[in-house]
């Protein structure tokens, strides 16, 4: 069986299962590219990416770069890998780096391409109310997420899943798909096929995308909250201050409320929408700690 020299590019925790899975194969991960250390937390202390930490633990040389160009390209050329593998690196691979590995680059993308090309496929799928998602491994080309597909797997979206929990699940199952594709490429058995279907895009989400519009139906609001959790987070304004909504659910068998109006019913904090109210479960008031919604409501001045 043929083994390949791989260079792996990735940054967040969702890419770590793929890195670990590849290291456990017959192939040789000769280097890892990840984004540079960045300020994290309230104190803004510099921290390395989860992929950088995993690579250090595994004893793999790390190239830190916020752009896949210049020095990063030269470093990859010096390594002379057979194949580049990218999983949620956080940047585009362009020429001449795109052609640096002998077999080019493949990408593990957490959607059923061509649906949800772009930076936030898991979040956008939940927000749109999709019932099904998955992961796709495809050949990287200059056009965004448009290359031929080597393999895909599907996974249903649970009615209560957040983007964080769904991404964690896809990161594990997608790692297995990625290994199978790399093995097939090494063995000469891979047969990529063009993408087929309607193209939709998943641009990166901002804080504004997480602002709740209570005039929408309950299902739409619920999907938004789950889709932007944990990042960038869902929020609303109460008493002139921002309130992050970390967890909520559609309330059943309760009186309808005017959109955006709050009411304490027993121990439950309800907010009206265009249809059924939502019950707030966990919230993060500005300048305070995360707490259950009932404690927050009773503690308001």
Foldseek 3Di string as FASTA:
>chain_A
DFAWEEEEAAFAPLQLLLVVLNVPDPYHHQEYEAAAFWQDDPVGDTDGGPNVVSCVVVVHHYHHHPECDDPVQVVLLVVQTQEYEYEHRPYDDDPPSQVSHVPGYKYKAWFQPLEAFENQRLLVCLLVPHQKTWIWIFGDDPPGPFGFTQDIDMDTDDLFAASVVVSNVRSNVSSVVVVVSSVCVRVVNTDTHGTDDDHDHDYDDDQVQQEADQQADPSNRSSSQRSCPPPPFHWYADPNWIKTQRHKAFDPPDDADDRQDWDCDPQWIWGHHNYTTMTGAWMDTPPDHIDGPSVVVVPDD
